[in-house]
Amino acid sequence: MNSPTQRTLALLRAQGWTCAVVERWNQYAGIRQDVFGFGDILAYHEREHSIALFQACAGASHANRLAKLMAEPRVQGWLQAGGRVAVISWRKAGARGQRKTWTERIEWIVPNAPNQARSEAE
């Protein structure tokens, strides 16, 4: 479980989400392409009656990915249609002298607030 996508899949599945990776490699352009320009993972949660797209990344890229989501016009369309959007980033953290473990940071995009997001406790 090395990539942020793999770590995010494991976290979401442990929380009861049913997930699918929707990011694809475009061999002609030589780039990874997100669904709708902003989603790596599509997931739904039956108990919460929720559907969401997640952007998974390394901790150092969190701010850049959040800015990318805020600038993408299709994000507001997804939110208005009832979907949710979040950035989940990963970094190694832990007390000094102790073993470092992967720690997630989850930030949900707030509907109709293009410059705001809501963080979830780590």
N, C-alpha and C. Protein backbone atom coordinates (compact mmCIF):
# COMPACT_ATOMS: atom_id res chain seq x y z
N MET A 1 0.84 -1.18 0.00
CA MET A 1 0.00 0.00 0.00
C MET A 1 0.89 1.24 0.00
N ASN A 2 1.44 1.58 -1.15
CA ASN A 2 2.41 2.67 -1.21
C ASN A 2 1.84 4.00 -1.67
N SER A 3 0.90 3.98 -2.61
CA SER A 3 0.43 5.24 -3.19
C SER A 3 -0.66 5.88 -2.34
N PRO A 4 -0.83 7.21 -2.46
CA PRO A 4 -1.92 7.87 -1.76
C PRO A 4 -3.29 7.30 -2.16
N THR A 5 -3.43 6.90 -3.41
CA THR A 5 -4.70 6.32 -3.85
C THR A 5 -4.98 5.01 -3.12
N GLN A 6 -3.97 4.16 -2.98
CA GLN A 6 -4.16 2.88 -2.29
C GLN A 6 -4.47 3.10 -0.80
N ARG A 7 -3.78 4.04 -0.18
CA ARG A 7 -4.06 4.34 1.23
C ARG A 7 -5.47 4.90 1.41
N THR A 8 -5.89 5.76 0.46
CA THR A 8 -7.23 6.34 0.53
C THR A 8 -8.30 5.27 0.33
N LEU A 9 -8.09 4.37 -0.61
CA LEU A 9 -9.05 3.27 -0.82
C LEU A 9 -9.22 2.46 0.47
N ALA A 10 -8.11 2.12 1.11
CA ALA A 10 -8.17 1.34 2.35
C ALA A 10 -8.92 2.09 3.44
N LEU A 11 -8.65 3.39 3.59
CA LEU A 11 -9.33 4.21 4.60
C LEU A 11 -10.83 4.27 4.34
N LEU A 12 -11.20 4.59 3.10
CA LEU A 12 -12.61 4.72 2.76
C LEU A 12 -13.36 3.41 2.94
N ARG A 13 -12.76 2.31 2.49
CA ARG A 13 -13.42 1.01 2.64
C ARG A 13 -13.60 0.65 4.11
N ALA A 14 -12.62 0.99 4.95
CA ALA A 14 -12.73 0.74 6.39
C ALA A 14 -13.87 1.56 7.01
N GLN A 15 -14.20 2.69 6.41
CA GLN A 15 -15.28 3.55 6.90
C GLN A 15 -16.64 3.18 6.30
N GLY A 16 -16.66 2.15 5.45
CA GLY A 16 -17.93 1.68 4.89
C GLY A 16 -18.25 2.18 3.50
N TRP A 17 -17.33 2.89 2.85
CA TRP A 17 -17.55 3.36 1.49
C TRP A 17 -17.29 2.22 0.50
N THR A 18 -18.04 2.20 -0.60
CA THR A 18 -17.77 1.32 -1.72
C THR A 18 -17.10 2.18 -2.77
N CYS A 19 -15.89 1.78 -3.22
CA CYS A 19 -15.03 2.66 -4.00
C CYS A 19 -14.63 2.08 -5.36
N ALA A 20 -14.33 2.99 -6.28
CA ALA A 20 -13.75 2.62 -7.57
C ALA A 20 -12.77 3.71 -7.99
N VAL A 21 -11.62 3.31 -8.50
CA VAL A 21 -10.64 4.27 -9.01
C VAL A 21 -11.12 4.71 -10.39
N VAL A 22 -11.26 6.02 -10.58
CA VAL A 22 -11.74 6.56 -11.85
C VAL A 22 -10.71 7.43 -12.55
N GLU A 23 -9.53 7.53 -11.98
CA GLU A 23 -8.40 8.22 -12.62
C GLU A 23 -7.80 7.24 -13.63
N ARG A 24 -7.44 7.74 -14.80
CA ARG A 24 -6.91 6.87 -15.85
C ARG A 24 -5.61 7.43 -16.43
N TRP A 25 -4.75 6.52 -16.89
CA TRP A 25 -3.52 6.91 -17.56
C TRP A 25 -3.81 7.10 -19.03
N ASN A 26 -3.48 8.28 -19.57
CA ASN A 26 -3.63 8.57 -21.00
C ASN A 26 -2.25 8.40 -21.63
N GLN A 27 -2.05 7.27 -22.30
CA GLN A 27 -0.72 6.97 -22.85
C GLN A 27 -0.34 7.91 -23.99
N TYR A 28 -1.31 8.47 -24.69
CA TYR A 28 -1.01 9.37 -25.81
C TYR A 28 -0.52 10.73 -25.32
N ALA A 29 -1.12 11.21 -24.26
CA ALA A 29 -0.72 12.50 -23.69
C ALA A 29 0.39 12.33 -22.65
N GLY A 30 0.56 11.11 -22.14
CA GLY A 30 1.59 10.85 -21.12
C GLY A 30 1.24 11.44 -19.76
N ILE A 31 -0.07 11.50 -19.44
CA ILE A 31 -0.52 12.08 -18.17
C ILE A 31 -1.64 11.23 -17.56
N ARG A 32 -1.86 11.43 -16.25
CA ARG A 32 -3.01 10.83 -15.59
C ARG A 32 -4.17 11.82 -15.71
N GLN A 33 -5.35 11.29 -15.99
CA GLN A 33 -6.52 12.15 -16.14
C GLN A 33 -7.57 11.76 -15.12
N ASP A 34 -8.03 12.76 -14.37
CA ASP A 34 -9.06 12.57 -13.35
C ASP A 34 -10.43 12.63 -14.01
N VAL A 35 -11.39 11.91 -13.45
CA VAL A 35 -12.75 12.00 -13.96
C VAL A 35 -13.28 13.41 -13.71
N PHE A 36 -13.91 14.00 -14.67
CA PHE A 36 -14.43 15.37 -14.62
C PHE A 36 -13.34 16.40 -14.33
N GLY A 37 -12.09 16.02 -14.42
CA GLY A 37 -10.98 16.93 -14.17
C GLY A 37 -10.60 17.08 -12.71
N PHE A 38 -11.28 16.33 -11.79
CA PHE A 38 -10.95 16.53 -10.39
C PHE A 38 -11.07 15.29 -9.50
N GLY A 39 -11.49 14.15 -10.01
CA GLY A 39 -11.71 13.01 -9.12
C GLY A 39 -10.81 11.82 -9.40
N ASP A 40 -10.19 11.29 -8.37
CA ASP A 40 -9.39 10.07 -8.48
C ASP A 40 -10.20 8.83 -8.10
N ILE A 41 -11.07 8.98 -7.10
CA ILE A 41 -11.84 7.86 -6.56
C ILE A 41 -13.31 8.28 -6.47
N LEU A 42 -14.18 7.43 -7.00
CA LEU A 42 -15.62 7.61 -6.89
C LEU A 42 -16.11 6.62 -5.83
N ALA A 43 -16.92 7.09 -4.88
CA ALA A 43 -17.38 6.22 -3.80
C ALA A 43 -18.79 6.58 -3.37
N TYR A 44 -19.49 5.56 -2.87
CA TYR A 44 -20.80 5.82 -2.27
C TYR A 44 -20.87 5.13 -0.92
N HIS A 45 -21.69 5.71 -0.04
CA HIS A 45 -21.86 5.17 1.30
C HIS A 45 -23.35 4.95 1.50
N GLU A 46 -23.77 3.69 1.59
CA GLU A 46 -25.19 3.36 1.67
C GLU A 46 -25.85 3.91 2.93
N ARG A 47 -25.22 3.73 4.09
CA ARG A 47 -25.83 4.18 5.35
C ARG A 47 -25.99 5.70 5.39
N GLU A 48 -25.02 6.42 4.84
CA GLU A 48 -25.08 7.89 4.85
C GLU A 48 -25.83 8.45 3.65
N HIS A 49 -26.24 7.58 2.73
CA HIS A 49 -26.91 8.01 1.50
C HIS A 49 -26.10 9.11 0.83
N SER A 50 -24.84 8.81 0.57
CA SER A 50 -23.90 9.81 0.07
C SER A 50 -23.09 9.25 -1.09
N ILE A 51 -22.76 10.12 -2.03
CA ILE A 51 -21.86 9.79 -3.13
C ILE A 51 -20.80 10.89 -3.18
N ALA A 52 -19.54 10.51 -3.42
CA ALA A 52 -18.46 11.51 -3.37
C ALA A 52 -17.35 11.16 -4.35
N LEU A 53 -16.64 12.19 -4.77
CA LEU A 53 -15.40 12.05 -5.52
C LEU A 53 -14.28 12.53 -4.61
N PHE A 54 -13.19 11.76 -4.59
CA PHE A 54 -12.05 12.08 -3.74
C PHE A 54 -10.82 12.32 -4.59
N GLN A 55 -10.05 13.33 -4.23
CA GLN A 55 -8.75 13.62 -4.82
C GLN A 55 -7.71 13.15 -3.80
N ALA A 56 -6.90 12.16 -4.16
CA ALA A 56 -5.89 11.61 -3.26
C ALA A 56 -4.52 12.16 -3.65
N CYS A 57 -3.70 12.53 -2.64
CA CYS A 57 -2.39 13.09 -2.95
C CYS A 57 -1.45 12.98 -1.75
N ALA A 58 -0.20 13.32 -1.99
CA ALA A 58 0.79 13.39 -0.91
C ALA A 58 0.54 14.67 -0.11
N GLY A 59 0.97 14.67 1.14
CA GLY A 59 0.73 15.81 2.02
C GLY A 59 1.25 17.13 1.49
N ALA A 60 2.39 17.10 0.82
CA ALA A 60 2.99 18.33 0.29
C ALA A 60 2.16 18.93 -0.85
N SER A 61 1.28 18.14 -1.46
CA SER A 61 0.47 18.61 -2.59
C SER A 61 -0.94 19.04 -2.19
N HIS A 62 -1.25 18.95 -0.90
CA HIS A 62 -2.63 19.21 -0.45
C HIS A 62 -3.14 20.59 -0.90
N ALA A 63 -2.39 21.62 -0.63
CA ALA A 63 -2.83 22.99 -0.97
C ALA A 63 -3.02 23.15 -2.48
N ASN A 64 -2.12 22.59 -3.26
CA ASN A 64 -2.23 22.69 -4.73
C ASN A 64 -3.48 21.97 -5.23
N ARG A 65 -3.76 20.79 -4.68
CA ARG A 65 -4.94 20.03 -5.11
C ARG A 65 -6.22 20.73 -4.68
N LEU A 66 -6.21 21.33 -3.51
CA LEU A 66 -7.38 22.07 -3.04
C LEU A 66 -7.63 23.27 -3.95
N ALA A 67 -6.58 23.99 -4.32
CA ALA A 67 -6.71 25.13 -5.23
C ALA A 67 -7.23 24.67 -6.59
N LYS A 68 -6.76 23.53 -7.05
CA LYS A 68 -7.22 22.97 -8.33
C LYS A 68 -8.73 22.70 -8.27
N LEU A 69 -9.21 22.13 -7.16
CA LEU A 69 -10.64 21.86 -7.01
C LEU A 69 -11.46 23.14 -6.97
N MET A 70 -10.94 24.14 -6.26
CA MET A 70 -11.66 25.40 -6.15
C MET A 70 -11.77 26.12 -7.50
N ALA A 71 -10.78 25.89 -8.38
CA ALA A 71 -10.77 26.55 -9.68
C ALA A 71 -11.55 25.78 -10.75
N GLU A 72 -11.89 24.54 -10.48
CA GLU A 72 -12.57 23.69 -11.46
C GLU A 72 -14.08 23.96 -11.43
N PRO A 73 -14.66 24.49 -12.52
CA PRO A 73 -16.09 24.82 -12.52
C PRO A 73 -17.00 23.60 -12.37
N ARG A 74 -16.55 22.43 -12.80
CA ARG A 74 -17.39 21.23 -12.70
C ARG A 74 -17.58 20.77 -11.26
N VAL A 75 -16.73 21.24 -10.34
CA VAL A 75 -16.89 20.87 -8.93
C VAL A 75 -18.22 21.40 -8.40
N GLN A 76 -18.54 22.68 -8.66
CA GLN A 76 -19.80 23.25 -8.18
C GLN A 76 -20.99 22.53 -8.80
N GLY A 77 -20.88 22.13 -10.06
CA GLY A 77 -21.95 21.36 -10.70
C GLY A 77 -22.16 20.02 -10.02
N TRP A 78 -21.06 19.34 -9.67
CA TRP A 78 -21.14 18.06 -8.97
C TRP A 78 -21.80 18.25 -7.60
N LEU A 79 -21.40 19.30 -6.89
CA LEU A 79 -21.96 19.58 -5.56
C LEU A 79 -23.45 19.91 -5.66
N GLN A 80 -23.83 20.70 -6.65
CA GLN A 80 -25.24 21.08 -6.82
C GLN A 80 -26.10 19.88 -7.20
N ALA A 81 -25.49 18.87 -7.82
CA ALA A 81 -26.22 17.66 -8.19
C ALA A 81 -26.35 16.71 -7.00
N GLY A 82 -25.76 17.06 -5.86
CA GLY A 82 -25.89 16.25 -4.65
C GLY A 82 -24.67 15.45 -4.29
N GLY A 83 -23.61 15.53 -5.10
CA GLY A 83 -22.37 14.83 -4.79
C GLY A 83 -21.53 15.60 -3.78
N ARG A 84 -20.55 14.93 -3.23
CA ARG A 84 -19.60 15.56 -2.31
C ARG A 84 -18.21 15.43 -2.90
N VAL A 85 -17.30 16.32 -2.48
CA VAL A 85 -15.92 16.33 -2.98
C VAL A 85 -14.97 16.56 -1.82
N ALA A 86 -13.87 15.79 -1.79
CA ALA A 86 -12.88 15.97 -0.72
C ALA A 86 -11.48 15.73 -1.26
N VAL A 87 -10.52 16.41 -0.64
CA VAL A 87 -9.10 16.14 -0.86
C VAL A 87 -8.63 15.32 0.34
N ILE A 88 -7.97 14.20 0.07
CA ILE A 88 -7.37 13.40 1.14
C ILE A 88 -5.88 13.32 0.85
N SER A 89 -5.08 13.91 1.73
CA SER A 89 -3.63 13.88 1.56
C SER A 89 -3.00 13.06 2.67
N TRP A 90 -1.80 12.56 2.40
CA TRP A 90 -1.11 11.65 3.32
C TRP A 90 0.30 12.14 3.60
N ARG A 91 0.68 12.08 4.88
CA ARG A 91 2.06 12.39 5.27
C ARG A 91 2.44 11.48 6.43
N LYS A 92 3.72 11.28 6.62
CA LYS A 92 4.19 10.50 7.76
C LYS A 92 4.32 11.45 8.95
N ALA A 93 3.74 11.04 10.07
CA ALA A 93 3.77 11.89 11.26
C ALA A 93 3.90 11.02 12.50
N GLY A 94 4.38 11.63 13.57
CA GLY A 94 4.51 10.93 14.84
C GLY A 94 5.41 11.72 15.77
N ALA A 95 5.40 11.33 17.00
CA ALA A 95 6.20 12.01 18.02
C ALA A 95 7.69 11.83 17.75
N ARG A 96 8.48 12.80 18.18
CA ARG A 96 9.93 12.74 18.02
C ARG A 96 10.47 11.47 18.68
N GLY A 97 11.31 10.78 17.96
CA GLY A 97 11.91 9.56 18.48
C GLY A 97 11.03 8.33 18.36
N GLN A 98 9.81 8.51 17.89
CA GLN A 98 8.88 7.39 17.72
C GLN A 98 8.73 7.06 16.24
N ARG A 99 8.21 5.88 15.99
CA ARG A 99 7.97 5.44 14.62
C ARG A 99 6.93 6.35 13.97
N LYS A 100 7.18 6.78 12.75
CA LYS A 100 6.25 7.63 12.01
C LYS A 100 5.25 6.76 11.28
N THR A 101 3.99 7.17 11.29
CA THR A 101 2.95 6.43 10.60
C THR A 101 2.23 7.35 9.61
N TRP A 102 1.62 6.75 8.61
CA TRP A 102 0.89 7.52 7.62
C TRP A 102 -0.34 8.13 8.28
N THR A 103 -0.51 9.44 8.10
CA THR A 103 -1.62 10.18 8.67
C THR A 103 -2.34 10.92 7.56
N GLU A 104 -3.67 10.81 7.57
CA GLU A 104 -4.45 11.46 6.52
C GLU A 104 -4.93 12.83 6.97
N ARG A 105 -5.15 13.68 5.99
CA ARG A 105 -5.79 14.98 6.20
C ARG A 105 -6.93 15.04 5.20
N ILE A 106 -8.15 15.22 5.69
CA ILE A 106 -9.32 15.23 4.83
C ILE A 106 -9.93 16.62 4.84
N GLU A 107 -10.16 17.16 3.67
CA GLU A 107 -10.77 18.49 3.57
C GLU A 107 -11.92 18.41 2.56
N TRP A 108 -13.13 18.64 3.03
CA TRP A 108 -14.32 18.58 2.19
C TRP A 108 -14.58 19.95 1.57
N ILE A 109 -15.00 19.96 0.33
CA ILE A 109 -15.36 21.20 -0.36
C ILE A 109 -16.79 21.55 0.03
N VAL A 110 -17.02 22.81 0.38
CA VAL A 110 -18.33 23.28 0.80
C VAL A 110 -19.09 23.78 -0.43
N PRO A 111 -20.34 23.34 -0.63
CA PRO A 111 -21.12 23.78 -1.80
C PRO A 111 -21.31 25.30 -1.84
N ASN A 112 -21.24 25.85 -3.05
CA ASN A 112 -21.48 27.27 -3.31
C ASN A 112 -20.59 28.20 -2.52
N ALA A 113 -19.41 27.74 -2.15
CA ALA A 113 -18.45 28.58 -1.44
C ALA A 113 -17.10 28.36 -2.12
N PRO A 114 -16.84 29.03 -3.26
CA PRO A 114 -15.65 28.72 -4.06
C PRO A 114 -14.31 28.92 -3.36
N ASN A 115 -14.27 29.64 -2.27
CA ASN A 115 -12.99 29.85 -1.59
C ASN A 115 -12.96 29.23 -0.20
N GLN A 116 -13.85 28.28 0.05
CA GLN A 116 -13.91 27.70 1.37
C GLN A 116 -13.91 26.18 1.29
N ALA A 117 -13.31 25.58 2.27
CA ALA A 117 -13.35 24.12 2.43
C ALA A 117 -13.43 23.84 3.93
N ARG A 118 -13.85 22.64 4.27
CA ARG A 118 -14.00 22.26 5.67
C ARG A 118 -13.08 21.09 5.96
N SER A 119 -12.23 21.25 6.95
CA SER A 119 -11.31 20.18 7.34
C SER A 119 -11.97 19.23 8.33
N GLU A 120 -11.58 17.98 8.23
CA GLU A 120 -12.04 16.97 9.18
C GLU A 120 -10.88 16.70 10.12
N ALA A 121 -11.17 16.40 11.36
CA ALA A 121 -10.11 16.12 12.34
C ALA A 121 -9.30 14.92 11.89
N GLU A 122 -8.00 15.00 12.07
CA GLU A 122 -7.10 13.92 11.66
C GLU A 122 -7.15 12.78 12.64
